Amino acid sequence: MGKSNMIDRRQFSVGLGAAVLSAGLVAPASALTGAQAEFLVKNAVKDINKIIASGKSESRMMSDFERVFTRYADVNIIALTTLGPARRTATNTQILAYTNAFKNYFTQKYGRRFREFVGGEIVVDGSRASKRSIEVKSTAVLKGSAPFEVTWLVSDRSGSPKIFNIIIEGVNTLTSERAEIGAMLDKRGGNIDRLTADLANFG
């Protein structure tokens, strides 16, 4: 595999997979069906592609990406997971502030990367139930890169189907995001308020 293809895959993984969670935080998707999970993923991909092709200014696109993130992703669980062990000592006020700040961080950081996927295509191939979620299998085709598998993990823990994880060719993508947030927190001496302020102003 060429170096450029590896970079394309990595960028895709990071861009689309900022919603990864540790499995321990996710409850079983009791009433969720494969059809519902596939429908959610198809709509998320459709909305993302629409934004990319809209020709809007970057600031307006970022607002649209934030709406997509809020609509399709389990934002609260994602934020708690990226915060890691620090969430255990954080107050409810700190967690709420961090969650809102993380939403901005995600939108600004990864929304710009979505623009690199113009001309690409994601095809949903099917789904299967796992112990804690529904796995929706898809194939991604980007310009200059061979097709590769993308697995979207969907749960209804929050009361409705939401994407909480994306796995690219076996790589759990939010593991890297959690590590990055952890490093940012360490750099700020473990101060959640400082981290939150910086994430809120990111971009």
N, C-alpha and C. Protein backbone atom coordinates (compact mmCIF):
# COMPACT_ATOMS: atom_id res chain seq x y z
N MET A 1 0.85 -1.20 0.00
CA MET A 1 0.00 0.00 0.00
C MET A 1 0.88 1.24 0.00
N GLY A 2 0.60 2.19 -0.90
CA GLY A 2 1.42 3.38 -1.01
C GLY A 2 1.23 4.32 0.16
N LYS A 3 2.24 5.20 0.34
CA LYS A 3 2.19 6.13 1.47
C LYS A 3 1.00 7.07 1.36
N SER A 4 0.70 7.53 0.12
CA SER A 4 -0.42 8.47 -0.05
C SER A 4 -1.74 7.82 0.31
N ASN A 5 -1.89 6.52 -0.03
CA ASN A 5 -3.12 5.82 0.32
C ASN A 5 -3.27 5.68 1.83
N MET A 6 -2.14 5.42 2.51
CA MET A 6 -2.18 5.31 3.96
C MET A 6 -2.61 6.63 4.58
N ILE A 7 -2.11 7.75 4.02
CA ILE A 7 -2.49 9.07 4.52
C ILE A 7 -3.97 9.32 4.29
N ASP A 8 -4.46 8.96 3.09
CA ASP A 8 -5.88 9.14 2.79
C ASP A 8 -6.75 8.36 3.77
N ARG A 9 -6.36 7.12 4.06
CA ARG A 9 -7.12 6.30 4.97
C ARG A 9 -7.10 6.90 6.37
N ARG A 10 -5.91 7.35 6.78
CA ARG A 10 -5.78 7.92 8.12
C ARG A 10 -6.64 9.17 8.25
N GLN A 11 -6.60 10.04 7.22
CA GLN A 11 -7.40 11.27 7.27
C GLN A 11 -8.88 10.94 7.30
N PHE A 12 -9.28 9.94 6.51
CA PHE A 12 -10.68 9.55 6.51
C PHE A 12 -11.08 9.01 7.87
N SER A 13 -10.21 8.19 8.42
CA SER A 13 -10.48 7.59 9.73
C SER A 13 -10.66 8.64 10.79
N VAL A 14 -9.74 9.60 10.82
CA VAL A 14 -9.81 10.65 11.84
C VAL A 14 -11.00 11.56 11.58
N GLY A 15 -11.22 11.88 10.30
CA GLY A 15 -12.29 12.81 9.97
C GLY A 15 -13.67 12.27 10.28
N LEU A 16 -13.90 11.02 9.92
CA LEU A 16 -15.23 10.44 10.13
C LEU A 16 -15.34 9.70 11.45
N GLY A 17 -14.21 9.42 12.07
CA GLY A 17 -14.27 8.57 13.25
C GLY A 17 -14.04 9.25 14.56
N ALA A 18 -14.32 10.51 14.62
CA ALA A 18 -14.14 11.20 15.89
C ALA A 18 -15.22 10.86 16.87
N ALA A 19 -16.08 9.93 16.51
CA ALA A 19 -17.15 9.53 17.41
C ALA A 19 -16.91 8.18 18.05
N VAL A 20 -15.70 7.79 18.27
CA VAL A 20 -15.39 6.47 18.80
C VAL A 20 -15.53 6.46 20.31
N LEU A 21 -16.03 5.36 20.87
CA LEU A 21 -16.18 5.22 22.31
C LEU A 21 -15.59 3.92 22.78
N SER A 22 -15.22 3.86 24.03
CA SER A 22 -14.84 2.58 24.62
C SER A 22 -16.10 1.75 24.81
N ALA A 23 -16.02 0.46 24.54
CA ALA A 23 -17.22 -0.40 24.55
C ALA A 23 -17.88 -0.44 25.91
N GLY A 24 -17.13 -0.24 26.96
CA GLY A 24 -17.69 -0.37 28.29
C GLY A 24 -18.75 0.65 28.62
N LEU A 25 -18.82 1.75 27.90
CA LEU A 25 -19.80 2.78 28.20
C LEU A 25 -21.11 2.59 27.45
N VAL A 26 -21.16 1.60 26.58
CA VAL A 26 -22.31 1.48 25.71
C VAL A 26 -23.21 0.33 26.15
N ALA A 27 -24.46 0.63 26.34
CA ALA A 27 -25.43 -0.39 26.75
C ALA A 27 -25.91 -1.17 25.53
N PRO A 28 -26.43 -2.36 25.70
CA PRO A 28 -26.94 -3.14 24.58
C PRO A 28 -28.04 -2.41 23.83
N ALA A 29 -28.05 -2.57 22.51
CA ALA A 29 -29.07 -1.93 21.69
C ALA A 29 -30.28 -2.85 21.63
N SER A 30 -31.09 -2.83 22.66
CA SER A 30 -32.15 -3.81 22.84
C SER A 30 -33.19 -3.78 21.73
N ALA A 31 -33.77 -2.61 21.45
CA ALA A 31 -34.87 -2.53 20.50
C ALA A 31 -34.41 -2.10 19.12
N LEU A 32 -33.14 -1.79 18.98
CA LEU A 32 -32.62 -1.27 17.72
C LEU A 32 -32.51 -2.39 16.69
N THR A 33 -32.93 -2.10 15.46
CA THR A 33 -32.84 -3.08 14.38
C THR A 33 -31.75 -2.69 13.39
N GLY A 34 -31.33 -3.66 12.60
CA GLY A 34 -30.34 -3.39 11.57
C GLY A 34 -30.83 -2.36 10.57
N ALA A 35 -32.10 -2.45 10.21
CA ALA A 35 -32.67 -1.51 9.25
C ALA A 35 -32.62 -0.08 9.77
N GLN A 36 -32.91 0.09 11.06
CA GLN A 36 -32.86 1.43 11.66
C GLN A 36 -31.44 1.97 11.66
N ALA A 37 -30.49 1.12 12.00
CA ALA A 37 -29.09 1.55 12.04
C ALA A 37 -28.59 1.91 10.65
N GLU A 38 -28.93 1.10 9.66
CA GLU A 38 -28.53 1.39 8.29
C GLU A 38 -29.15 2.70 7.80
N PHE A 39 -30.40 2.92 8.15
CA PHE A 39 -31.09 4.15 7.76
C PHE A 39 -30.37 5.37 8.33
N LEU A 40 -29.97 5.26 9.60
CA LEU A 40 -29.25 6.37 10.25
C LEU A 40 -27.94 6.67 9.55
N VAL A 41 -27.16 5.63 9.27
CA VAL A 41 -25.85 5.82 8.64
C VAL A 41 -26.01 6.41 7.24
N LYS A 42 -26.96 5.89 6.48
CA LYS A 42 -27.19 6.40 5.12
C LYS A 42 -27.54 7.88 5.15
N ASN A 43 -28.39 8.28 6.09
CA ASN A 43 -28.78 9.68 6.19
C ASN A 43 -27.63 10.56 6.63
N ALA A 44 -26.80 10.05 7.55
CA ALA A 44 -25.64 10.82 8.01
C ALA A 44 -24.69 11.08 6.85
N VAL A 45 -24.40 10.04 6.08
CA VAL A 45 -23.51 10.17 4.94
C VAL A 45 -24.09 11.12 3.90
N LYS A 46 -25.40 10.99 3.66
CA LYS A 46 -26.06 11.87 2.69
C LYS A 46 -25.96 13.33 3.11
N ASP A 47 -26.19 13.61 4.39
CA ASP A 47 -26.12 14.99 4.87
C ASP A 47 -24.71 15.55 4.81
N ILE A 48 -23.72 14.72 5.14
CA ILE A 48 -22.33 15.17 5.07
C ILE A 48 -21.96 15.51 3.63
N ASN A 49 -22.33 14.63 2.70
CA ASN A 49 -22.03 14.88 1.29
C ASN A 49 -22.71 16.14 0.78
N LYS A 50 -23.92 16.38 1.27
CA LYS A 50 -24.66 17.59 0.87
C LYS A 50 -23.92 18.85 1.29
N ILE A 51 -23.42 18.84 2.52
CA ILE A 51 -22.68 20.00 3.04
C ILE A 51 -21.42 20.23 2.22
N ILE A 52 -20.70 19.15 1.93
CA ILE A 52 -19.45 19.25 1.18
C ILE A 52 -19.69 19.88 -0.19
N ALA A 53 -20.80 19.49 -0.82
CA ALA A 53 -21.09 19.96 -2.18
C ALA A 53 -21.86 21.27 -2.21
N SER A 54 -22.15 21.85 -1.05
CA SER A 54 -23.02 23.02 -1.00
C SER A 54 -22.39 24.30 -1.53
N GLY A 55 -21.06 24.40 -1.46
CA GLY A 55 -20.40 25.62 -1.90
C GLY A 55 -20.54 26.76 -0.92
N LYS A 56 -21.01 26.48 0.29
CA LYS A 56 -21.16 27.52 1.30
C LYS A 56 -19.80 27.98 1.83
N SER A 57 -19.81 29.11 2.53
CA SER A 57 -18.59 29.57 3.18
C SER A 57 -18.20 28.58 4.28
N GLU A 58 -16.93 28.63 4.68
CA GLU A 58 -16.46 27.68 5.69
C GLU A 58 -17.23 27.81 7.00
N SER A 59 -17.51 29.03 7.42
CA SER A 59 -18.20 29.23 8.70
C SER A 59 -19.60 28.63 8.66
N ARG A 60 -20.29 28.79 7.53
CA ARG A 60 -21.63 28.22 7.42
C ARG A 60 -21.58 26.69 7.33
N MET A 61 -20.54 26.18 6.67
CA MET A 61 -20.38 24.74 6.62
C MET A 61 -20.12 24.17 8.01
N MET A 62 -19.33 24.88 8.81
CA MET A 62 -19.05 24.41 10.16
C MET A 62 -20.33 24.33 10.99
N SER A 63 -21.20 25.31 10.82
CA SER A 63 -22.49 25.30 11.53
C SER A 63 -23.32 24.10 11.10
N ASP A 64 -23.29 23.80 9.80
CA ASP A 64 -24.03 22.64 9.29
C ASP A 64 -23.45 21.34 9.81
N PHE A 65 -22.11 21.25 9.86
CA PHE A 65 -21.47 20.04 10.38
C PHE A 65 -21.82 19.83 11.85
N GLU A 66 -21.90 20.92 12.60
CA GLU A 66 -22.25 20.79 14.02
C GLU A 66 -23.66 20.23 14.17
N ARG A 67 -24.56 20.67 13.31
CA ARG A 67 -25.93 20.16 13.36
C ARG A 67 -25.96 18.66 13.03
N VAL A 68 -25.15 18.25 12.05
CA VAL A 68 -25.08 16.84 11.69
C VAL A 68 -24.53 16.01 12.85
N PHE A 69 -23.47 16.52 13.47
CA PHE A 69 -22.87 15.83 14.61
C PHE A 69 -23.89 15.64 15.72
N THR A 70 -24.61 16.71 16.02
CA THR A 70 -25.60 16.67 17.10
C THR A 70 -26.75 15.72 16.76
N ARG A 71 -27.13 15.69 15.49
CA ARG A 71 -28.28 14.88 15.08
C ARG A 71 -27.97 13.38 15.05
N TYR A 72 -26.79 13.02 14.57
CA TYR A 72 -26.51 11.61 14.32
C TYR A 72 -25.59 10.94 15.34
N ALA A 73 -24.82 11.72 16.09
CA ALA A 73 -23.85 11.13 17.02
C ALA A 73 -24.33 11.24 18.46
N ASP A 74 -23.91 10.30 19.28
CA ASP A 74 -24.24 10.34 20.71
C ASP A 74 -23.22 11.24 21.39
N VAL A 75 -23.46 12.54 21.30
CA VAL A 75 -22.48 13.55 21.72
C VAL A 75 -22.06 13.39 23.17
N ASN A 76 -23.02 13.16 24.06
CA ASN A 76 -22.68 13.06 25.48
C ASN A 76 -21.73 11.90 25.77
N ILE A 77 -22.03 10.74 25.20
CA ILE A 77 -21.18 9.58 25.42
C ILE A 77 -19.81 9.78 24.79
N ILE A 78 -19.79 10.37 23.62
CA ILE A 78 -18.51 10.64 22.94
C ILE A 78 -17.64 11.54 23.80
N ALA A 79 -18.22 12.61 24.29
CA ALA A 79 -17.46 13.57 25.10
C ALA A 79 -16.93 12.92 26.37
N LEU A 80 -17.77 12.15 27.04
CA LEU A 80 -17.34 11.48 28.27
C LEU A 80 -16.20 10.51 28.01
N THR A 81 -16.28 9.82 26.88
CA THR A 81 -15.24 8.86 26.55
C THR A 81 -13.91 9.54 26.27
N THR A 82 -13.94 10.60 25.50
CA THR A 82 -12.69 11.29 25.19
C THR A 82 -12.07 11.92 26.43
N LEU A 83 -12.90 12.26 27.40
CA LEU A 83 -12.38 12.85 28.64
C LEU A 83 -11.65 11.81 29.48
N GLY A 84 -12.03 10.54 29.31
CA GLY A 84 -11.32 9.47 30.00
C GLY A 84 -11.57 9.46 31.50
N PRO A 85 -10.59 8.96 32.28
CA PRO A 85 -10.75 8.84 33.73
C PRO A 85 -11.06 10.16 34.43
N ALA A 86 -10.68 11.27 33.81
CA ALA A 86 -10.91 12.58 34.44
C ALA A 86 -12.39 12.85 34.66
N ARG A 87 -13.25 12.16 33.92
CA ARG A 87 -14.69 12.40 34.07
C ARG A 87 -15.17 11.98 35.46
N ARG A 88 -14.45 11.08 36.09
CA ARG A 88 -14.89 10.58 37.40
C ARG A 88 -14.79 11.64 38.49
N THR A 89 -13.87 12.57 38.33
CA THR A 89 -13.69 13.61 39.35
C THR A 89 -14.29 14.95 38.92
N ALA A 90 -14.80 15.02 37.70
CA ALA A 90 -15.37 16.27 37.20
C ALA A 90 -16.77 16.48 37.77
N THR A 91 -17.13 17.74 38.01
CA THR A 91 -18.47 18.07 38.47
C THR A 91 -19.44 18.03 37.29
N ASN A 92 -20.73 18.01 37.57
CA ASN A 92 -21.72 18.04 36.50
C ASN A 92 -21.59 19.29 35.65
N THR A 93 -21.28 20.40 36.29
CA THR A 93 -21.10 21.66 35.56
C THR A 93 -19.90 21.57 34.62
N GLN A 94 -18.82 20.98 35.11
CA GLN A 94 -17.63 20.83 34.27
C GLN A 94 -17.89 19.89 33.10
N ILE A 95 -18.62 18.82 33.34
CA ILE A 95 -18.92 17.87 32.27
C ILE A 95 -19.79 18.52 31.19
N LEU A 96 -20.79 19.28 31.61
CA LEU A 96 -21.65 19.97 30.65
C LEU A 96 -20.84 20.95 29.81
N ALA A 97 -19.99 21.73 30.48
CA ALA A 97 -19.17 22.71 29.76
C ALA A 97 -18.21 22.01 28.81
N TYR A 98 -17.61 20.92 29.27
CA TYR A 98 -16.68 20.17 28.43
C TYR A 98 -17.39 19.60 27.21
N THR A 99 -18.59 19.05 27.41
CA THR A 99 -19.34 18.47 26.30
C THR A 99 -19.62 19.51 25.22
N ASN A 100 -20.04 20.69 25.63
CA ASN A 100 -20.31 21.76 24.67
C ASN A 100 -19.04 22.21 23.96
N ALA A 101 -17.94 22.28 24.71
CA ALA A 101 -16.67 22.69 24.13
C ALA A 101 -16.15 21.62 23.17
N PHE A 102 -16.33 20.36 23.53
CA PHE A 102 -15.89 19.28 22.67
C PHE A 102 -16.64 19.30 21.34
N LYS A 103 -17.92 19.64 21.40
CA LYS A 103 -18.72 19.72 20.18
C LYS A 103 -18.11 20.74 19.22
N ASN A 104 -17.70 21.89 19.75
CA ASN A 104 -17.05 22.90 18.92
C ASN A 104 -15.72 22.38 18.38
N TYR A 105 -14.93 21.76 19.25
CA TYR A 105 -13.63 21.21 18.86
C TYR A 105 -13.78 20.21 17.72
N PHE A 106 -14.72 19.29 17.88
CA PHE A 106 -14.95 18.28 16.85
C PHE A 106 -15.34 18.93 15.53
N THR A 107 -16.30 19.84 15.61
CA THR A 107 -16.81 20.47 14.40
C THR A 107 -15.71 21.22 13.66
N GLN A 108 -14.96 22.02 14.38
CA GLN A 108 -13.92 22.83 13.76
C GLN A 108 -12.78 21.96 13.22
N LYS A 109 -12.37 20.98 13.99
CA LYS A 109 -11.22 20.15 13.59
C LYS A 109 -11.54 19.22 12.43
N TYR A 110 -12.69 18.55 12.52
CA TYR A 110 -12.98 17.52 11.54
C TYR A 110 -13.89 17.98 10.42
N GLY A 111 -14.65 19.03 10.66
CA GLY A 111 -15.50 19.55 9.59
C GLY A 111 -14.68 19.97 8.39
N ARG A 112 -13.52 20.57 8.64
CA ARG A 112 -12.65 21.00 7.54
C ARG A 112 -12.12 19.79 6.76
N ARG A 113 -11.91 18.70 7.46
CA ARG A 113 -11.38 17.51 6.79
C ARG A 113 -12.42 16.84 5.90
N PHE A 114 -13.69 17.00 6.24
CA PHE A 114 -14.72 16.42 5.39
C PHE A 114 -14.64 16.99 3.98
N ARG A 115 -14.18 18.22 3.87
CA ARG A 115 -14.13 18.87 2.56
C ARG A 115 -13.14 18.17 1.64
N GLU A 116 -12.22 17.40 2.21
CA GLU A 116 -11.24 16.67 1.40
C GLU A 116 -11.87 15.46 0.70
N PHE A 117 -13.11 15.12 1.06
CA PHE A 117 -13.72 13.90 0.56
C PHE A 117 -14.62 14.15 -0.65
N VAL A 118 -14.53 15.33 -1.25
CA VAL A 118 -15.35 15.64 -2.42
C VAL A 118 -15.07 14.61 -3.52
N GLY A 119 -16.13 14.06 -4.06
CA GLY A 119 -15.98 13.08 -5.13
C GLY A 119 -15.90 11.65 -4.63
N GLY A 120 -15.81 11.47 -3.32
CA GLY A 120 -15.76 10.13 -2.75
C GLY A 120 -17.16 9.56 -2.58
N GLU A 121 -17.22 8.31 -2.21
CA GLU A 121 -18.51 7.64 -2.04
C GLU A 121 -18.43 6.61 -0.93
N ILE A 122 -19.50 6.53 -0.15
CA ILE A 122 -19.61 5.50 0.88
C ILE A 122 -20.88 4.70 0.61
N VAL A 123 -20.72 3.41 0.45
CA VAL A 123 -21.85 2.54 0.14
C VAL A 123 -22.12 1.61 1.32
N VAL A 124 -23.34 1.66 1.83
CA VAL A 124 -23.72 0.79 2.95
C VAL A 124 -24.00 -0.61 2.42
N ASP A 125 -23.31 -1.60 2.99
CA ASP A 125 -23.39 -2.98 2.50
C ASP A 125 -24.35 -3.85 3.31
N GLY A 126 -24.62 -3.48 4.55
CA GLY A 126 -25.48 -4.31 5.39
C GLY A 126 -25.15 -4.11 6.85
N SER A 127 -25.76 -4.91 7.72
CA SER A 127 -25.54 -4.73 9.15
C SER A 127 -25.66 -6.07 9.88
N ARG A 128 -25.15 -6.09 11.10
CA ARG A 128 -25.32 -7.27 11.96
C ARG A 128 -25.34 -6.81 13.41
N ALA A 129 -26.03 -7.57 14.23
CA ALA A 129 -26.12 -7.23 15.65
C ALA A 129 -24.88 -7.76 16.37
N SER A 130 -24.34 -6.94 17.27
CA SER A 130 -23.27 -7.39 18.15
C SER A 130 -23.79 -7.31 19.58
N LYS A 131 -22.96 -7.60 20.55
CA LYS A 131 -23.42 -7.65 21.94
C LYS A 131 -23.93 -6.31 22.43
N ARG A 132 -23.30 -5.23 22.00
CA ARG A 132 -23.64 -3.92 22.56
C ARG A 132 -24.18 -2.93 21.54
N SER A 133 -24.30 -3.33 20.30
CA SER A 133 -24.71 -2.37 19.28
C SER A 133 -25.09 -3.07 17.99
N ILE A 134 -25.43 -2.27 17.00
CA ILE A 134 -25.59 -2.75 15.63
C ILE A 134 -24.39 -2.28 14.84
N GLU A 135 -23.74 -3.18 14.12
CA GLU A 135 -22.60 -2.81 13.28
C GLU A 135 -23.09 -2.66 11.84
N VAL A 136 -22.92 -1.48 11.30
CA VAL A 136 -23.30 -1.22 9.91
C VAL A 136 -22.03 -1.24 9.06
N LYS A 137 -21.96 -2.19 8.13
CA LYS A 137 -20.79 -2.32 7.27
C LYS A 137 -20.96 -1.45 6.03
N SER A 138 -19.89 -0.79 5.64
CA SER A 138 -19.93 0.01 4.43
C SER A 138 -18.57 -0.05 3.74
N THR A 139 -18.56 0.38 2.48
CA THR A 139 -17.33 0.46 1.71
C THR A 139 -17.11 1.90 1.31
N ALA A 140 -15.92 2.41 1.58
CA ALA A 140 -15.58 3.79 1.23
C ALA A 140 -14.64 3.80 0.03
N VAL A 141 -14.95 4.68 -0.91
CA VAL A 141 -14.10 4.85 -2.09
C VAL A 141 -13.73 6.32 -2.16
N LEU A 142 -12.45 6.62 -2.01
CA LEU A 142 -11.95 7.99 -2.11
C LEU A 142 -11.06 8.09 -3.33
N LYS A 143 -10.94 9.28 -3.88
CA LYS A 143 -10.07 9.48 -5.03
C LYS A 143 -8.64 9.12 -4.66
N GLY A 144 -8.00 8.32 -5.50
CA GLY A 144 -6.60 7.98 -5.27
C GLY A 144 -6.38 6.92 -4.22
N SER A 145 -7.45 6.24 -3.79
CA SER A 145 -7.32 5.23 -2.75
C SER A 145 -8.18 4.02 -3.10
N ALA A 146 -7.66 2.83 -2.82
CA ALA A 146 -8.44 1.62 -3.06
C ALA A 146 -9.62 1.57 -2.08
N PRO A 147 -10.73 0.96 -2.46
CA PRO A 147 -11.88 0.85 -1.56
C PRO A 147 -11.48 0.18 -0.25
N PHE A 148 -12.08 0.61 0.85
CA PHE A 148 -11.78 0.00 2.14
C PHE A 148 -13.03 -0.02 3.00
N GLU A 149 -13.01 -0.90 4.00
CA GLU A 149 -14.19 -1.12 4.84
C GLU A 149 -14.29 -0.11 5.97
N VAL A 150 -15.50 0.37 6.18
CA VAL A 150 -15.81 1.26 7.29
C VAL A 150 -16.99 0.66 8.04
N THR A 151 -16.83 0.44 9.33
CA THR A 151 -17.90 -0.11 10.16
C THR A 151 -18.39 0.95 11.13
N TRP A 152 -19.68 1.22 11.08
CA TRP A 152 -20.31 2.22 11.94
C TRP A 152 -21.03 1.49 13.07
N LEU A 153 -20.75 1.84 14.30
CA LEU A 153 -21.43 1.22 15.43
C LEU A 153 -22.55 2.15 15.91
N VAL A 154 -23.73 1.59 15.99
CA VAL A 154 -24.92 2.37 16.32
C VAL A 154 -25.60 1.77 17.55
N SER A 155 -26.01 2.64 18.47
CA SER A 155 -26.72 2.21 19.68
C SER A 155 -27.92 3.13 19.90
N ASP A 156 -28.91 2.63 20.64
CA ASP A 156 -30.06 3.46 20.99
C ASP A 156 -30.06 3.77 22.49
N ARG A 157 -28.90 3.74 23.10
CA ARG A 157 -28.81 3.98 24.54
C ARG A 157 -29.39 5.33 24.94
N SER A 158 -29.24 6.31 24.08
CA SER A 158 -29.71 7.66 24.41
C SER A 158 -31.21 7.83 24.18
N GLY A 159 -31.87 6.78 23.70
CA GLY A 159 -33.30 6.85 23.47
C GLY A 159 -33.68 6.82 22.01
N SER A 160 -32.70 7.05 21.14
CA SER A 160 -32.90 6.96 19.70
C SER A 160 -31.58 6.50 19.08
N PRO A 161 -31.62 5.93 17.88
CA PRO A 161 -30.38 5.44 17.26
C PRO A 161 -29.36 6.56 17.08
N LYS A 162 -28.13 6.30 17.51
CA LYS A 162 -27.04 7.27 17.37
C LYS A 162 -25.75 6.53 17.04
N ILE A 163 -24.91 7.16 16.25
CA ILE A 163 -23.59 6.61 15.95
C ILE A 163 -22.66 6.92 17.11
N PHE A 164 -21.97 5.89 17.63
CA PHE A 164 -21.07 6.15 18.74
C PHE A 164 -19.64 5.72 18.45
N ASN A 165 -19.41 5.07 17.32
CA ASN A 165 -18.07 4.58 17.02
C ASN A 165 -17.96 4.29 15.53
N ILE A 166 -16.78 4.48 14.99
CA ILE A 166 -16.51 4.10 13.60
C ILE A 166 -15.19 3.35 13.58
N ILE A 167 -15.18 2.22 12.90
CA ILE A 167 -13.97 1.42 12.81
C ILE A 167 -13.53 1.36 11.35
N ILE A 168 -12.30 1.78 11.11
CA ILE A 168 -11.76 1.81 9.75
C ILE A 168 -10.74 0.69 9.61
N GLU A 169 -11.08 -0.31 8.81
CA GLU A 169 -10.17 -1.44 8.59
C GLU A 169 -9.65 -2.01 9.91
N GLY A 170 -10.54 -2.15 10.87
CA GLY A 170 -10.18 -2.74 12.15
C GLY A 170 -9.62 -1.78 13.17
N VAL A 171 -9.48 -0.51 12.81
CA VAL A 171 -8.90 0.48 13.72
C VAL A 171 -10.01 1.30 14.37
N ASN A 172 -10.08 1.25 15.69
CA ASN A 172 -11.05 2.02 16.46
C ASN A 172 -10.59 3.48 16.51
N THR A 173 -11.32 4.34 15.82
CA THR A 173 -10.80 5.68 15.57
C THR A 173 -10.85 6.64 16.75
N LEU A 174 -11.76 6.44 17.69
CA LEU A 174 -11.80 7.39 18.80
C LEU A 174 -10.78 7.05 19.88
N THR A 175 -10.16 5.88 19.74
CA THR A 175 -9.07 5.56 20.64
C THR A 175 -7.97 6.60 20.49
N SER A 176 -7.67 6.95 19.24
CA SER A 176 -6.64 7.97 18.99
C SER A 176 -7.10 9.34 19.45
N GLU A 177 -8.40 9.63 19.28
CA GLU A 177 -8.91 10.93 19.72
C GLU A 177 -8.90 11.03 21.24
N ARG A 178 -9.24 9.94 21.90
CA ARG A 178 -9.19 9.93 23.36
C ARG A 178 -7.76 10.15 23.85
N ALA A 179 -6.81 9.53 23.16
CA ALA A 179 -5.40 9.69 23.54
C ALA A 179 -4.96 11.14 23.35
N GLU A 180 -5.44 11.76 22.27
CA GLU A 180 -5.07 13.15 22.00
C GLU A 180 -5.65 14.09 23.06
N ILE A 181 -6.92 13.89 23.40
CA ILE A 181 -7.53 14.71 24.44
C ILE A 181 -6.82 14.49 25.76
N GLY A 182 -6.45 13.24 26.04
CA GLY A 182 -5.72 12.94 27.26
C GLY A 182 -4.39 13.67 27.32
N ALA A 183 -3.70 13.72 26.18
CA ALA A 183 -2.42 14.43 26.12
C ALA A 183 -2.62 15.92 26.32
N MET A 184 -3.69 16.47 25.76
CA MET A 184 -4.00 17.88 25.93
C MET A 184 -4.29 18.19 27.40
N LEU A 185 -5.00 17.29 28.05
CA LEU A 185 -5.32 17.48 29.46
C LEU A 185 -4.05 17.42 30.31
N ASP A 186 -3.17 16.47 30.01
CA ASP A 186 -1.91 16.35 30.74
C ASP A 186 -1.07 17.61 30.58
N LYS A 187 -1.07 18.16 29.37
CA LYS A 187 -0.29 19.36 29.10
C LYS A 187 -0.79 20.55 29.92
N ARG A 188 -2.05 20.48 30.32
CA ARG A 188 -2.65 21.55 31.12
C ARG A 188 -2.72 21.17 32.60
N GLY A 189 -1.86 20.24 32.97
CA GLY A 189 -1.76 19.86 34.37
C GLY A 189 -2.99 19.17 34.92
N GLY A 190 -3.79 18.55 34.04
CA GLY A 190 -5.00 17.86 34.47
C GLY A 190 -6.15 18.80 34.78
N ASN A 191 -6.02 20.07 34.40
CA ASN A 191 -7.05 21.07 34.68
C ASN A 191 -8.14 21.01 33.60
N ILE A 192 -9.30 20.46 33.96
CA ILE A 192 -10.39 20.30 33.00
C ILE A 192 -10.91 21.65 32.52
N ASP A 193 -10.95 22.63 33.40
CA ASP A 193 -11.46 23.94 33.02
C ASP A 193 -10.59 24.59 31.94
N ARG A 194 -9.28 24.44 32.08
CA ARG A 194 -8.37 24.98 31.06
C ARG A 194 -8.55 24.26 29.74
N LEU A 195 -8.68 22.94 29.80
CA LEU A 195 -8.90 22.16 28.59
C LEU A 195 -10.20 22.58 27.92
N THR A 196 -11.25 22.72 28.71
CA THR A 196 -12.55 23.12 28.18
C THR A 196 -12.49 24.47 27.50
N ALA A 197 -11.81 25.42 28.12
CA ALA A 197 -11.69 26.76 27.54
C ALA A 197 -10.98 26.71 26.19
N ASP A 198 -9.92 25.90 26.11
CA ASP A 198 -9.17 25.80 24.86
C ASP A 198 -9.98 25.10 23.77
N LEU A 199 -10.73 24.07 24.14
CA LEU A 199 -11.57 23.39 23.15
C LEU A 199 -12.69 24.30 22.65
N ALA A 200 -13.22 25.12 23.56
CA ALA A 200 -14.30 26.04 23.19
C ALA A 200 -13.82 27.09 22.20
N ASN A 201 -12.53 27.43 22.28
CA ASN A 201 -11.96 28.45 21.39
C ASN A 201 -11.21 27.85 20.21
N PHE A 202 -11.26 26.53 20.09
CA PHE A 202 -10.53 25.86 19.02
C PHE A 202 -11.05 26.30 17.66
N GLY A 203 -10.14 26.57 16.76
CA GLY A 203 -10.53 26.96 15.41
C GLY A 203 -10.59 28.44 15.21
